[in-house]
Structure formats: C-alpha cells, structure tokens
C-alpha cells in the first residue's frame, strides 16, 4: 500500500544517508557525529532537519524502540574505525545494529505482531550476511574485511585473494547465510498476504545471488554479483501469483 511504501522510503533514506557518511574511502567523521547529534535532538522533538526529521517522526508514529536506533548508529560508528572481526560472535554484534534492527523497523512499519520480531531480526541478519559475501572485494578496497578471522584461519586463508582455500571459505560463509535465511523464512506465516510477495522476492534474489557466487566464489573479488533484471521480474510475477 502507498502509505507503507512511503514509510519504507523514509526509513531507507535515513539509513542510506547515514551509511553513505561512513561507507567511503575517507569517512565523513564530523558529518557523522553531527548527524547523530541531530538525530538525538529530532527524536526528542527539538529539531526537524531533512531526512533525519522525517525518520524521527516515523519512529514516533510507529513506536520504534530508541535502543534500536542507538544500536544502528553504534554499528555505523564501528565502520569508522573497525577493519576486521576476530569471531562470528563479534561480527554478530555489528550485524545487530547494521541489519537486524532494520528488520525490527520494518516489522513495526508493516504492523506485524511482536512474535514476528525474532524472525525479522533473522531476515535482516541473513540479508547482511549475503551482502557481506557479495561485497568482499568492494569492502576490501575500503580497507575492511567482514569475514571473521577465525573462519579464515579454519581454511588456511591469510589474505583475501583468489585461491582454492578462499573458494571453500566463501562456500562456508554461504552455508551460514542459507541456514539463517531458512530460520527467518519460518516467520513468513506472520506476514500478511499483501506484503509477502515483496519480502519473498527480495529473499529469492539473495538466494539467487548466493547460488551464482557458489559457482565461482572468487568472482566476489572482481565485481558485485547480481541477478539479471529479467530474473527480478520473473521472481516477482511468480511470487505474486503463488503466495
């Protein structure tokens, strides 16, 4: 529905704006902290700056937990200084704020029941995991490696570069993504019929991306792997007719 689409656009504009401040070769550190101060003021109703103010109004209208907003900003702050993650558990702390809370925001926008929240978090986690796999080369050029060091050591990978060991490492990370995605999909039953095609299409596109990467894992070091636009349309039509 148009009203929901408009609210999703407000959410996307906000997270995209903040992410763009940090996700670059030279992060805009001062701009980021200024945005955080403005966000706090906007959430308190003291100011209404562009983009941030719209998000603050959405947060109030939909009852976003302020701790979720703080977690998002804290994860974005980590991108200013953190370059590697020692363990999967450490990475999960970043993923909670960078992706799982986005699932929680979406659950609130869609008016889903509280029992959907664990699944919304898992879907956000799954999407972030496949994004991290897909963007290995791009992140490396920004000086970041999101693949846990403990996983790299398990496969004897010291540097992120093409090798048979790197291919096996990527397939291991893909298996983790698939497992989380399957858990998240158990929550589809809690999503109203009218919303399900869009959510399932997004998930199917990520699974298609994972399949393409699995065939040639080292491709992630060269370019961003994406399904063709025709595949997007076919998946959307299929899900719209069958769900």
C-alpha atoms as a PDB file:
ATOM      1  CA  UNK A   1       0.000   0.000   0.000  1.00  0.00           C
ATOM      2  CA  UNK A   2       1.170   3.519  -0.794  1.00  0.00           C
ATOM      3  CA  UNK A   3       1.319   4.611   2.831  1.00  0.00           C
ATOM      4  CA  UNK A   4       3.575   1.703   3.718  1.00  0.00           C
ATOM      5  CA  UNK A   5       5.771   2.335   0.670  1.00  0.00           C
ATOM      6  CA  UNK A   6       6.166   5.960   1.729  1.00  0.00           C
ATOM      7  CA  UNK A   7       7.233   4.943   5.236  1.00  0.00           C
ATOM      8  CA  UNK A   8       9.708   2.404   3.864  1.00  0.00           C
ATOM      9  CA  UNK A   9      11.135   5.172   1.667  1.00  0.00           C
ATOM     10  CA  UNK A  10      11.622   7.389   4.736  1.00  0.00           C
ATOM     11  CA  UNK A  11      13.411   4.550   6.541  1.00  0.00           C
ATOM     12  CA  UNK A  12      15.597   3.803   3.526  1.00  0.00           C
ATOM     13  CA  UNK A  13      16.501   7.456   3.004  1.00  0.00           C
ATOM     14  CA  UNK A  14      17.663   7.728   6.612  1.00  0.00           C
ATOM     15  CA  UNK A  15      19.771   4.563   6.755  1.00  0.00           C
ATOM     16  CA  UNK A  16      21.205   5.270   3.297  1.00  0.00           C
ATOM     17  CA  UNK A  17      22.143   8.795   4.325  1.00  0.00           C
ATOM     18  CA  UNK A  18      23.968   7.669   7.468  1.00  0.00           C
ATOM     19  CA  UNK A  19      25.621   4.710   5.745  1.00  0.00           C
ATOM     20  CA  UNK A  20      26.917   6.958   2.965  1.00  0.00           C
ATOM     21  CA  UNK A  21      28.704   9.098   5.551  1.00  0.00           C
ATOM     22  CA  UNK A  22      30.825   6.152   6.718  1.00  0.00           C
ATOM     23  CA  UNK A  23      30.898   3.767   3.749  1.00  0.00           C
ATOM     24  CA  UNK A  24      33.556   5.525   1.700  1.00  0.00           C
ATOM     25  CA  UNK A  25      37.377   5.566   1.416  1.00  0.00           C
ATOM     26  CA  UNK A  26      37.526   8.658   3.626  1.00  0.00           C
ATOM     27  CA  UNK A  27      34.549   8.579   6.005  1.00  0.00           C
ATOM     28  CA  UNK A  28      32.943  11.920   6.825  1.00  0.00           C
ATOM     29  CA  UNK A  29      33.565  11.596  10.539  1.00  0.00           C
ATOM     30  CA  UNK A  30      32.479  15.089  11.609  1.00  0.00           C
ATOM     31  CA  UNK A  31      29.352  14.881   9.458  1.00  0.00           C
ATOM     32  CA  UNK A  32      28.504  11.510  11.012  1.00  0.00           C
ATOM     33  CA  UNK A  33      28.699  12.762  14.599  1.00  0.00           C
ATOM     34  CA  UNK A  34      26.781  15.903  13.664  1.00  0.00           C
ATOM     35  CA  UNK A  35      24.061  13.679  12.159  1.00  0.00           C
ATOM     36  CA  UNK A  36      23.974  11.652  15.388  1.00  0.00           C
ATOM     37  CA  UNK A  37      23.522  14.807  17.479  1.00  0.00           C
ATOM     38  CA  UNK A  38      20.763  15.996  15.159  1.00  0.00           C
ATOM     39  CA  UNK A  39      19.115  12.581  15.370  1.00  0.00           C
ATOM     40  CA  UNK A  40      19.033  12.712  19.168  1.00  0.00           C
ATOM     41  CA  UNK A  41      17.542  16.206  19.029  1.00  0.00           C
ATOM     42  CA  UNK A  42      14.989  15.167  16.411  1.00  0.00           C
ATOM     43  CA  UNK A  43      13.926  12.114  18.426  1.00  0.00           C
ATOM     44  CA  UNK A  44      13.375  14.454  21.380  1.00  0.00           C
ATOM     45  CA  UNK A  45      11.229  16.696  19.165  1.00  0.00           C
ATOM     46  CA  UNK A  46      13.584  19.675  19.356  1.00  0.00           C
ATOM     47  CA  UNK A  47      14.515  19.942  15.656  1.00  0.00           C
ATOM     48  CA  UNK A  48      13.348  18.586  12.300  1.00  0.00           C
ATOM     49  CA  UNK A  49      16.250  18.502   9.829  1.00  0.00           C
ATOM     50  CA  UNK A  50      15.735  16.994   6.360  1.00  0.00           C
ATOM     51  CA  UNK A  51      15.760  13.170   6.187  1.00  0.00           C
ATOM     52  CA  UNK A  52      16.610  12.787   9.881  1.00  0.00           C
ATOM     53  CA  UNK A  53      13.498  14.670  10.964  1.00  0.00           C
ATOM     54  CA  UNK A  54      11.266  12.538   8.748  1.00  0.00           C
ATOM     55  CA  UNK A  55      12.789   9.414  10.269  1.00  0.00           C
ATOM     56  CA  UNK A  56      12.260  10.759  13.797  1.00  0.00           C
ATOM     57  CA  UNK A  57       8.578  11.366  13.027  1.00  0.00           C
ATOM     58  CA  UNK A  58       8.296   7.837  11.622  1.00  0.00           C
ATOM     59  CA  UNK A  59       9.996   6.437  14.741  1.00  0.00           C
ATOM     60  CA  UNK A  60       7.493   8.194  16.979  1.00  0.00           C
ATOM     61  CA  UNK A  61       4.496   7.226  14.845  1.00  0.00           C
ATOM     62  CA  UNK A  62       5.444   3.545  14.614  1.00  0.00           C
ATOM     63  CA  UNK A  63       6.860   3.178  18.104  1.00  0.00           C
ATOM     64  CA  UNK A  64      10.461   2.324  17.252  1.00  0.00           C
ATOM     65  CA  UNK A  65      12.428   1.371  20.348  1.00  0.00           C
ATOM     66  CA  UNK A  66      15.050   4.081  20.855  1.00  0.00           C
ATOM     67  CA  UNK A  67      17.593   1.389  21.702  1.00  0.00           C
ATOM     68  CA  UNK A  68      17.205   0.048  18.155  1.00  0.00           C
ATOM     69  CA  UNK A  69      18.059   3.460  16.739  1.00  0.00           C
ATOM     70  CA  UNK A  70      21.077   3.735  19.034  1.00  0.00           C
ATOM     71  CA  UNK A  71      22.236   0.262  18.001  1.00  0.00           C
ATOM     72  CA  UNK A  72      22.091   1.289  14.340  1.00  0.00           C
ATOM     73  CA  UNK A  73      24.199   4.373  14.938  1.00  0.00           C
ATOM     74  CA  UNK A  74      26.678   2.421  17.058  1.00  0.00           C
ATOM     75  CA  UNK A  75      27.224  -0.098  14.276  1.00  0.00           C
ATOM     76  CA  UNK A  76      27.688   2.692  11.752  1.00  0.00           C
ATOM     77  CA  UNK A  77      30.239   4.196  14.134  1.00  0.00           C
ATOM     78  CA  UNK A  78      32.128   0.898  14.106  1.00  0.00           C
ATOM     79  CA  UNK A  79      32.664   1.339  10.371  1.00  0.00           C
ATOM     80  CA  UNK A  80      34.681   4.454  11.149  1.00  0.00           C
ATOM     81  CA  UNK A  81      37.431   2.574  12.958  1.00  0.00           C
ATOM     82  CA  UNK A  82      36.955  -1.200  12.875  1.00  0.00           C
ATOM     83  CA  UNK A  83      38.579  -3.036   9.988  1.00  0.00           C
ATOM     84  CA  UNK A  84      38.342  -6.729  10.941  1.00  0.00           C
ATOM     85  CA  UNK A  85      36.335  -9.046  13.190  1.00  0.00           C
ATOM     86  CA  UNK A  86      38.004 -11.819  15.159  1.00  0.00           C
ATOM     87  CA  UNK A  87      34.973 -14.084  15.627  1.00  0.00           C
ATOM     88  CA  UNK A  88      31.477 -14.611  14.295  1.00  0.00           C
ATOM     89  CA  UNK A  89      30.118 -13.577  17.685  1.00  0.00           C
ATOM     90  CA  UNK A  90      31.909 -10.259  17.385  1.00  0.00           C
ATOM     91  CA  UNK A  91      30.537  -9.793  13.877  1.00  0.00           C
ATOM     92  CA  UNK A  92      27.024 -10.501  15.134  1.00  0.00           C
ATOM     93  CA  UNK A  93      27.248  -7.509  17.460  1.00  0.00           C
ATOM     94  CA  UNK A  94      27.859  -5.337  14.398  1.00  0.00           C
ATOM     95  CA  UNK A  95      25.140  -7.065  12.375  1.00  0.00           C
ATOM     96  CA  UNK A  96      22.547  -6.491  15.097  1.00  0.00           C
ATOM     97  CA  UNK A  97      22.792  -2.725  14.710  1.00  0.00           C
ATOM     98  CA  UNK A  98      23.505  -2.619  10.996  1.00  0.00           C
ATOM     99  CA  UNK A  99      20.790  -5.033   9.849  1.00  0.00           C
ATOM    100  CA  UNK A 100      18.735  -6.827  12.479  1.00  0.00           C
ATOM    101  CA  UNK A 101      17.229  -3.600  13.792  1.00  0.00           C
ATOM    102  CA  UNK A 102      16.254  -2.729  10.212  1.00  0.00           C
ATOM    103  CA  UNK A 103      14.159  -5.878  10.270  1.00  0.00           C
ATOM    104  CA  UNK A 104      12.592  -4.669  13.515  1.00  0.00           C
ATOM    105  CA  UNK A 105      11.846  -1.252  11.996  1.00  0.00           C
ATOM    106  CA  UNK A 106      10.189  -2.992   9.040  1.00  0.00           C
ATOM    107  CA  UNK A 107       8.138  -5.220  11.329  1.00  0.00           C
ATOM    108  CA  UNK A 108       6.804  -2.092  13.036  1.00  0.00           C
ATOM    109  CA  UNK A 109       6.054  -0.370   9.715  1.00  0.00           C
ATOM    110  CA  UNK A 110       4.177  -3.445   8.482  1.00  0.00           C
ATOM    111  CA  UNK A 111       2.272  -3.694  11.757  1.00  0.00           C
ATOM    112  CA  UNK A 112       3.460  -7.240  12.445  1.00  0.00           C
ATOM    113  CA  UNK A 113       2.858  -8.871  15.843  1.00  0.00           C
ATOM    114  CA  UNK A 114       5.663  -8.975  18.442  1.00  0.00           C
ATOM    115  CA  UNK A 115       6.177 -12.709  17.849  1.00  0.00           C
ATOM    116  CA  UNK A 116       7.442 -11.792  14.368  1.00  0.00           C
ATOM    117  CA  UNK A 117      10.379  -9.808  15.769  1.00  0.00           C
ATOM    118  CA  UNK A 118      12.864 -12.701  16.160  1.00  0.00           C
ATOM    119  CA  UNK A 119      12.232 -13.665  12.534  1.00  0.00           C
ATOM    120  CA  UNK A 120      12.543 -10.046  11.378  1.00  0.00           C
ATOM    121  CA  UNK A 121      15.941  -9.903  13.064  1.00  0.00           C
ATOM    122  CA  UNK A 122      16.995 -13.155  11.426  1.00  0.00           C
ATOM    123  CA  UNK A 123      15.949 -11.935   7.988  1.00  0.00           C
ATOM    124  CA  UNK A 124      17.963  -8.761   8.491  1.00  0.00           C
ATOM    125  CA  UNK A 125      20.919 -10.898   9.590  1.00  0.00           C
ATOM    126  CA  UNK A 126      20.611 -13.165   6.548  1.00  0.00           C
ATOM    127  CA  UNK A 127      20.499 -10.204   4.155  1.00  0.00           C
ATOM    128  CA  UNK A 128      23.556  -8.669   5.795  1.00  0.00           C
ATOM    129  CA  UNK A 129      25.499 -11.922   5.628  1.00  0.00           C
ATOM    130  CA  UNK A 130      24.923 -12.360   1.899  1.00  0.00           C
ATOM    131  CA  UNK A 131      25.665  -8.670   1.314  1.00  0.00           C
ATOM    132  CA  UNK A 132      28.989  -9.082   3.108  1.00  0.00           C
ATOM    133  CA  UNK A 133      29.844 -12.104   0.976  1.00  0.00           C
ATOM    134  CA  UNK A 134      28.803 -10.376  -2.241  1.00  0.00           C
ATOM    135  CA  UNK A 135      30.759  -7.214  -1.366  1.00  0.00           C
ATOM    136  CA  UNK A 136      34.046  -8.801  -0.219  1.00  0.00           C
ATOM    137  CA  UNK A 137      36.056  -7.115  -2.973  1.00  0.00           C
ATOM    138  CA  UNK A 138      34.350  -3.758  -2.569  1.00  0.00           C
ATOM    139  CA  UNK A 139      34.831  -3.772   1.208  1.00  0.00           C
ATOM    140  CA  UNK A 140      38.458  -4.817   0.807  1.00  0.00           C
ATOM    141  CA  UNK A 141      39.074  -1.723  -1.281  1.00  0.00           C
ATOM    142  CA  UNK A 142      37.672   0.296   1.633  1.00  0.00           C
ATOM    143  CA  UNK A 143      40.132  -1.448   3.957  1.00  0.00           C
ATOM    144  CA  UNK A 144      37.510  -3.652   5.631  1.00  0.00           C
ATOM    145  CA  UNK A 145      37.146  -7.423   5.963  1.00  0.00           C
ATOM    146  CA  UNK A 146      33.894  -8.670   7.467  1.00  0.00           C
ATOM    147  CA  UNK A 147      34.704 -12.378   7.159  1.00  0.00           C
ATOM    148  CA  UNK A 148      35.648 -13.447  10.712  1.00  0.00           C
ATOM    149  CA  UNK A 149      39.343 -14.121  11.208  1.00  0.00           C
ATOM    150  CA  UNK A 150      38.506 -17.416  12.932  1.00  0.00           C
ATOM    151  CA  UNK A 151      36.799 -18.587   9.721  1.00  0.00           C
ATOM    152  CA  UNK A 152      39.751 -17.527   7.599  1.00  0.00           C
ATOM    153  CA  UNK A 153      42.115 -19.456   9.883  1.00  0.00           C
ATOM    154  CA  UNK A 154      39.900 -22.533   9.640  1.00  0.00           C
ATOM    155  CA  UNK A 155      40.524 -22.672   5.890  1.00  0.00           C
ATOM    156  CA  UNK A 156      44.120 -21.501   5.962  1.00  0.00           C
ATOM    157  CA  UNK A 157      43.310 -18.151   4.341  1.00  0.00           C
ATOM    158  CA  UNK A 158      45.712 -15.422   5.414  1.00  0.00           C
ATOM    159  CA  UNK A 159      44.881 -12.796   2.821  1.00  0.00           C
ATOM    160  CA  UNK A 160      41.691 -12.112   0.893  1.00  0.00           C
ATOM    161  CA  UNK A 161      42.816 -13.197  -2.575  1.00  0.00           C
ATOM    162  CA  UNK A 162      41.863 -15.870  -5.136  1.00  0.00           C
ATOM    163  CA  UNK A 163      42.746 -19.417  -4.097  1.00  0.00           C
ATOM    164  CA  UNK A 164      41.064 -22.816  -3.675  1.00  0.00           C
ATOM    165  CA  UNK A 165      41.044 -22.169   0.089  1.00  0.00           C
ATOM    166  CA  UNK A 166      39.320 -18.820  -0.431  1.00  0.00           C
ATOM    167  CA  UNK A 167      36.638 -20.529  -2.540  1.00  0.00           C
ATOM    168  CA  UNK A 168      35.967 -23.031   0.236  1.00  0.00           C
ATOM    169  CA  UNK A 169      35.830 -20.219   2.783  1.00  0.00           C
ATOM    170  CA  UNK A 170      33.211 -18.358   0.757  1.00  0.00           C
ATOM    171  CA  UNK A 171      31.123 -21.515   0.376  1.00  0.00           C
ATOM    172  CA  UNK A 172      31.312 -21.973   4.153  1.00  0.00           C
ATOM    173  CA  UNK A 173      30.021 -18.424   4.668  1.00  0.00           C
ATOM    174  CA  UNK A 174      27.255 -19.094   2.125  1.00  0.00           C
ATOM    175  CA  UNK A 175      26.153 -22.157   4.097  1.00  0.00           C
ATOM    176  CA  UNK A 176      25.858 -19.989   7.198  1.00  0.00           C
ATOM    177  CA  UNK A 177      23.761 -17.475   5.253  1.00  0.00           C
ATOM    178  CA  UNK A 178      21.447 -20.226   3.952  1.00  0.00           C
ATOM    179  CA  UNK A 179      20.934 -21.585   7.468  1.00  0.00           C
ATOM    180  CA  UNK A 180      19.937 -18.173   8.847  1.00  0.00           C
ATOM    181  CA  UNK A 181      17.712 -17.498   5.823  1.00  0.00           C
ATOM    182  CA  UNK A 182      15.843 -20.770   6.369  1.00  0.00           C
ATOM    183  CA  UNK A 183      15.220 -19.873  10.021  1.00  0.00           C
ATOM    184  CA  UNK A 184      13.947 -16.437   9.039  1.00  0.00           C
ATOM    185  CA  UNK A 185      11.507 -17.855   6.498  1.00  0.00           C
ATOM    186  CA  UNK A 186       9.638 -19.654   9.271  1.00  0.00           C
ATOM    187  CA  UNK A 187       8.271 -16.200  10.113  1.00  0.00           C
ATOM    188  CA  UNK A 188       6.607 -15.653   6.723  1.00  0.00           C
ATOM    189  CA  UNK A 189       3.417 -17.099   8.214  1.00  0.00           C
ATOM    190  CA  UNK A 190       3.201 -13.990  10.407  1.00  0.00           C
ATOM    191  CA  UNK A 191       3.338 -11.618   7.416  1.00  0.00           C
ATOM    192  CA  UNK A 192       0.028 -10.543   5.812  1.00  0.00           C
ATOM    193  CA  UNK A 193      -0.561 -11.896   2.306  1.00  0.00           C
ATOM    194  CA  UNK A 194      -0.304  -8.464   0.640  1.00  0.00           C
ATOM    195  CA  UNK A 195       3.255  -7.954   1.920  1.00  0.00           C
ATOM    196  CA  UNK A 196       4.589 -11.436   1.332  1.00  0.00           C
ATOM    197  CA  UNK A 197       5.449 -11.258  -2.418  1.00  0.00           C
ATOM    198  CA  UNK A 198       7.824  -8.305  -1.965  1.00  0.00           C
ATOM    199  CA  UNK A 199       9.608  -9.890   1.015  1.00  0.00           C
ATOM    200  CA  UNK A 200       9.896 -13.303  -0.617  1.00  0.00           C
ATOM    201  CA  UNK A 201      11.114 -11.790  -3.887  1.00  0.00           C
ATOM    202  CA  UNK A 202      13.898  -9.963  -2.029  1.00  0.00           C
ATOM    203  CA  UNK A 203      14.861 -13.203  -0.299  1.00  0.00           C
ATOM    204  CA  UNK A 204      14.754 -15.194  -3.542  1.00  0.00           C
ATOM    205  CA  UNK A 205      17.008 -12.638  -5.225  1.00  0.00           C
ATOM    206  CA  UNK A 206      19.561 -13.008  -2.447  1.00  0.00           C
ATOM    207  CA  UNK A 207      19.383 -16.795  -2.727  1.00  0.00           C
ATOM    208  CA  UNK A 208      19.926 -16.478  -6.463  1.00  0.00           C
ATOM    209  CA  UNK A 209      22.938 -14.239  -5.744  1.00  0.00           C
ATOM    210  CA  UNK A 210      24.292 -16.872  -3.357  1.00  0.00           C
ATOM    211  CA  UNK A 211      23.907 -19.587  -5.983  1.00  0.00           C
ATOM    212  CA  UNK A 212      25.812 -17.524  -8.567  1.00  0.00           C
ATOM    213  CA  UNK A 213      28.608 -16.850  -6.087  1.00  0.00           C
ATOM    214  CA  UNK A 214      28.821 -20.526  -5.105  1.00  0.00           C
ATOM    215  CA  UNK A 215      29.640 -21.433  -8.701  1.00  0.00           C
ATOM    216  CA  UNK A 216      32.600 -19.023  -8.841  1.00  0.00           C
ATOM    217  CA  UNK A 217      33.408 -17.724  -5.340  1.00  0.00           C
ATOM    218  CA  UNK A 218      36.446 -15.670  -6.396  1.00  0.00           C
ATOM    219  CA  UNK A 219      34.140 -13.571  -8.561  1.00  0.00           C
ATOM    220  CA  UNK A 220      33.300 -11.518  -5.459  1.00  0.00           C
ATOM    221  CA  UNK A 221      36.829 -10.111  -5.600  1.00  0.00           C
ATOM    222  CA  UNK A 222      36.242  -8.761  -9.111  1.00  0.00           C
ATOM    223  CA  UNK A 223      32.709  -7.391  -9.161  1.00  0.00           C
ATOM    224  CA  UNK A 224      29.362  -7.255  -7.401  1.00  0.00           C
ATOM    225  CA  UNK A 225      27.376 -10.360  -8.330  1.00  0.00           C
ATOM    226  CA  UNK A 226      23.723  -9.619  -9.051  1.00  0.00           C
ATOM    227  CA  UNK A 227      20.850 -11.478 -10.751  1.00  0.00           C
ATOM    228  CA  UNK A 228      19.670 -10.070 -14.072  1.00  0.00           C
ATOM    229  CA  UNK A 229      16.756  -7.637 -14.102  1.00  0.00           C
ATOM    230  CA  UNK A 230      14.690 -10.180 -16.046  1.00  0.00           C
ATOM    231  CA  UNK A 231      15.132 -12.596 -13.126  1.00  0.00           C
ATOM    232  CA  UNK A 232      13.822  -9.949 -10.746  1.00  0.00           C
ATOM    233  CA  UNK A 233      10.664  -9.566 -12.797  1.00  0.00           C
ATOM    234  CA  UNK A 234      10.131 -13.317 -13.132  1.00  0.00           C
ATOM    235  CA  UNK A 235      10.501 -13.867  -9.404  1.00  0.00           C
ATOM    236  CA  UNK A 236       8.108 -11.026  -8.625  1.00  0.00           C
ATOM    237  CA  UNK A 237       5.459 -12.388 -11.006  1.00  0.00           C
ATOM    238  CA  UNK A 238       5.880 -15.914  -9.644  1.00  0.00           C
ATOM    239  CA  UNK A 239       5.576 -14.821  -6.011  1.00  0.00           C
ATOM    240  CA  UNK A 240       2.646 -12.510  -6.739  1.00  0.00           C
ATOM    241  CA  UNK A 241       0.720 -15.380  -8.311  1.00  0.00           C
ATOM    242  CA  UNK A 242       1.559 -18.138  -5.856  1.00  0.00           C
ATOM    243  CA  UNK A 243       1.643 -16.527  -2.403  1.00  0.00           C
END
